[in-house]
Structure formats: C-alpha cells, structure tokens
Protein backbone atom coordinates (compact mmCIF):
# COMPACT_ATOMS: atom_id res chain seq x y z
CA UNK A 1 -36.87 -103.06 74.66
CA UNK A 2 -40.30 -103.48 75.75
CA UNK A 3 -42.58 -106.26 74.67
CA UNK A 4 -44.88 -103.72 72.96
CA UNK A 5 -42.21 -102.17 70.98
CA UNK A 6 -40.66 -105.80 70.30
CA UNK A 7 -43.72 -106.76 68.59
CA UNK A 8 -43.94 -103.81 66.71
CA UNK A 9 -40.63 -104.12 65.62
CA UNK A 10 -40.86 -107.64 64.24
CA UNK A 11 -43.73 -106.67 62.19
CA UNK A 12 -41.99 -103.89 60.91
CA UNK A 13 -38.95 -106.23 60.03
CA UNK A 14 -41.44 -108.88 58.50
CA UNK A 15 -42.58 -106.07 56.27
CA UNK A 16 -39.32 -105.36 55.05
CA UNK A 17 -39.37 -102.35 57.10
CA UNK A 18 -36.10 -102.66 59.21
CA UNK A 19 -34.27 -100.25 61.82
CA UNK A 20 -37.11 -97.81 61.77
CA UNK A 21 -38.02 -97.97 65.55
CA UNK A 22 -36.51 -95.11 68.07
CA UNK A 23 -36.74 -95.36 71.60
CA UNK A 24 -36.98 -91.98 72.77
CA UNK A 25 -35.39 -90.32 76.07
CA UNK A 26 -38.63 -89.36 77.18
CA UNK A 27 -42.44 -89.96 76.66
CA UNK A 28 -44.51 -88.00 74.27
CA UNK A 29 -48.22 -87.75 74.99
CA UNK A 30 -49.14 -85.50 72.13
CA UNK A 31 -48.46 -84.80 68.70
CA UNK A 32 -46.97 -81.53 69.52
CA UNK A 33 -44.65 -82.99 72.26
CA UNK A 34 -43.51 -85.78 69.73
CA UNK A 35 -42.72 -83.28 67.07
CA UNK A 36 -40.76 -80.89 68.83
CA UNK A 37 -38.64 -84.44 69.99
CA UNK A 38 -38.07 -85.44 66.74
CA UNK A 39 -37.97 -82.30 64.99
CA UNK A 40 -40.83 -82.75 62.10
CA UNK A 41 -44.06 -80.96 61.62
CA UNK A 42 -47.05 -82.08 63.84
CA UNK A 43 -48.77 -83.05 60.65
CA UNK A 44 -46.02 -85.85 59.99
CA UNK A 45 -47.15 -87.62 63.37
CA UNK A 46 -49.65 -90.26 62.84
CA UNK A 47 -51.83 -90.47 65.82
CA UNK A 48 -53.25 -93.92 66.51
CA UNK A 49 -56.81 -93.25 68.09
CA UNK A 50 -58.82 -96.09 68.96
CA UNK A 51 -62.76 -95.18 69.05
CA UNK A 52 -65.88 -97.56 69.80
CA UNK A 53 -68.87 -97.67 67.51
CA UNK A 54 -71.79 -99.81 67.59
CA UNK A 55 -69.77 -102.37 65.91
CA UNK A 56 -66.98 -102.56 68.33
CA UNK A 57 -63.58 -100.65 68.17
CA UNK A 58 -61.96 -98.87 65.17
CA UNK A 59 -58.62 -97.58 64.94
CA UNK A 60 -58.13 -94.10 63.11
CA UNK A 61 -54.79 -93.40 61.90
CA UNK A 62 -54.93 -89.19 61.53
CA UNK A 63 -52.13 -86.30 61.23
CA UNK A 64 -51.50 -85.04 64.64
CA UNK A 65 -52.36 -81.64 62.94
CA UNK A 66 -55.95 -82.76 62.93
CA UNK A 67 -58.72 -82.96 65.32
CA UNK A 68 -61.21 -85.96 64.24
CA UNK A 69 -64.55 -84.77 63.98
CA UNK A 70 -66.57 -87.85 65.17
CA UNK A 71 -69.62 -87.38 62.68
CA UNK A 72 -67.46 -87.18 59.79
CA UNK A 73 -65.59 -90.21 60.59
CA UNK A 74 -69.15 -92.06 61.61
CA UNK A 75 -70.51 -91.47 57.91
CA UNK A 76 -67.11 -92.38 56.23
CA UNK A 77 -67.16 -95.95 57.86
CA UNK A 78 -70.92 -96.54 57.59
CA UNK A 79 -71.84 -96.56 61.53
CA UNK A 80 -74.33 -94.43 63.81
CA UNK A 81 -71.78 -92.80 66.15
CA UNK A 82 -68.20 -92.68 66.89
CA UNK A 83 -67.02 -92.22 70.49
CA UNK A 84 -63.86 -91.73 72.01
CA UNK A 85 -62.56 -94.90 73.85
CA UNK A 86 -62.01 -95.28 77.18
CA UNK A 87 -58.12 -96.14 78.41
CA UNK A 88 -59.16 -99.65 79.34
CA UNK A 89 -61.16 -99.59 75.79
CA UNK A 90 -57.91 -98.51 74.29
CA UNK A 91 -55.58 -100.90 76.21
CA UNK A 92 -58.37 -104.09 75.48
CA UNK A 93 -58.55 -103.35 71.75
CA UNK A 94 -54.75 -102.99 71.25
CA UNK A 95 -52.60 -104.05 74.26
CA UNK A 96 -51.02 -100.89 74.60
CA UNK A 97 -51.62 -97.56 76.56
CA UNK A 98 -52.80 -94.45 75.45
CA UNK A 99 -49.77 -91.89 74.35
CA UNK A 100 -48.15 -94.74 72.90
CA UNK A 101 -50.90 -96.83 70.64
CA UNK A 102 -49.13 -97.99 67.44
CA UNK A 103 -50.86 -98.88 64.23
CA UNK A 104 -49.97 -102.61 64.60
CA UNK A 105 -48.93 -105.22 67.28
CA UNK A 106 -52.43 -105.57 68.61
CA UNK A 107 -53.98 -108.79 69.88
CA UNK A 108 -56.35 -108.96 67.24
CA UNK A 109 -57.24 -107.15 64.13
CA UNK A 110 -58.86 -103.52 64.65
CA UNK A 111 -60.74 -102.21 61.39
CA UNK A 112 -58.42 -99.43 60.47
CA UNK A 113 -59.00 -95.94 58.74
CA UNK A 114 -56.22 -93.29 57.38
CA UNK A 115 -56.50 -89.89 57.32
CA UNK A 116 -56.01 -89.00 53.46
CA UNK A 117 -53.77 -85.73 54.84
CA UNK A 118 -50.82 -87.58 56.24
CA UNK A 119 -50.41 -88.27 52.57
CA UNK A 120 -49.25 -84.82 52.23
CA UNK A 121 -46.03 -85.44 54.05
CA UNK A 122 -43.10 -87.42 53.24
CA UNK A 123 -41.99 -89.47 55.94
CA UNK A 124 -44.34 -90.12 58.96
CA UNK A 125 -44.04 -90.76 62.26
CA UNK A 126 -46.06 -93.42 64.80
CA UNK A 127 -46.08 -94.47 68.32
CA UNK A 128 -44.27 -97.97 68.87
CA UNK A 129 -46.24 -99.42 71.55
CA UNK A 130 -45.49 -97.38 74.54
CA UNK A 131 -45.27 -93.52 74.88
CA UNK A 132 -41.64 -93.55 74.45
CA UNK A 133 -40.98 -95.07 71.40
CA UNK A 134 -41.58 -94.23 67.73
CA UNK A 135 -40.82 -95.31 64.24
CA UNK A 136 -40.61 -93.82 60.74
CA UNK A 137 -42.84 -94.99 58.09
CA UNK A 138 -43.98 -93.29 54.62
CA UNK A 139 -47.90 -93.01 53.90
CA UNK A 140 -47.88 -95.86 51.49
CA UNK A 141 -45.90 -98.34 54.00
CA UNK A 142 -48.48 -97.25 56.90
CA UNK A 143 -51.35 -97.75 54.73
CA UNK A 144 -50.23 -101.01 53.23
CA UNK A 145 -49.02 -102.33 56.61
CA UNK A 146 -52.63 -101.75 58.38
CA UNK A 147 -54.94 -102.58 55.44
CA UNK A 148 -55.99 -99.14 56.01
CA UNK A 149 -59.15 -97.26 54.58
CA UNK A 150 -58.55 -93.81 53.44
CA UNK A 151 -61.07 -91.26 54.86
CA UNK A 152 -61.41 -87.55 55.69
CA UNK A 153 -61.49 -87.08 59.73
CA UNK A 154 -62.42 -83.37 59.49
C-alpha cells in the first residue's frame, strides 16, 4: 500500500471508519472514469480540488457532476479570487498527485469547503492519496472528517 494511502487509511481508522479504502486495478483521473469503475453515479464522486487564493490554498470537495464556478466559490469563502492550482502547488499543499488527492492526509491543514450537492448521494467515493485508490464515506462523515464548511460551487 502506497504511503499516501496508508496515511489516509490511518486517519479513517482513527475516526472509526474501518475497511473503507479500496485499491483499484487502474488509476482514475476523472470522476467519470472513477464512477464507471466503481459502478456509481458521477455525482457520488467527491473530487478533492485544490485552488489558490490570495490567502493560500483551499480544498474544495465537489461532486463529480459539477464544474466549480470560481467566482461563486470566491464569494462563498470570502476571498477576492480563486484560481486552479498547478500540479506543483497541489503536491505542495497535499503531498498527493492530481487525480489522487484525498480530502485528508495532507502535511498541514488546508481550509476545506464541501459542495452541498454531495449531500444528495447516500455514499460517496473519494480518492485515497493516489489515482488508483479510493474510499467510501457518507456526506456527514466526510464533512466531519475534514471539518469542511458547506458551500454551493455552481
């Protein structure tokens, strides 16, 4: 098991969410690929996206069925502008590669926001630190685990 995945699994175990990490036979770099492999709706994929603001990086947990409107997110989080992070900025903030960014397991806390539309799905799937690993989690557990603030992203 990759060290990133081990870190995520340890955090889940500590929170009482045992046995939820799955290693996949292939990497998934899009929500559609992940949904097809897992047999779930695209909207049940909880994407972990890093954005940069004038205050530093933020993590937005969004439904795989949504495109993040950066103006809407900037207004919701109280910053002037939100822009996509580069792969190097993503790795610096999370220690994880794009396509495998987990909502937890980062070297330091990253302010986290969660798409309220994710609550419409019973079980969610999120990356577990590398593109070929995921974990299953409920909306409430994900919100609690990440101490995320609810926002609309569209």
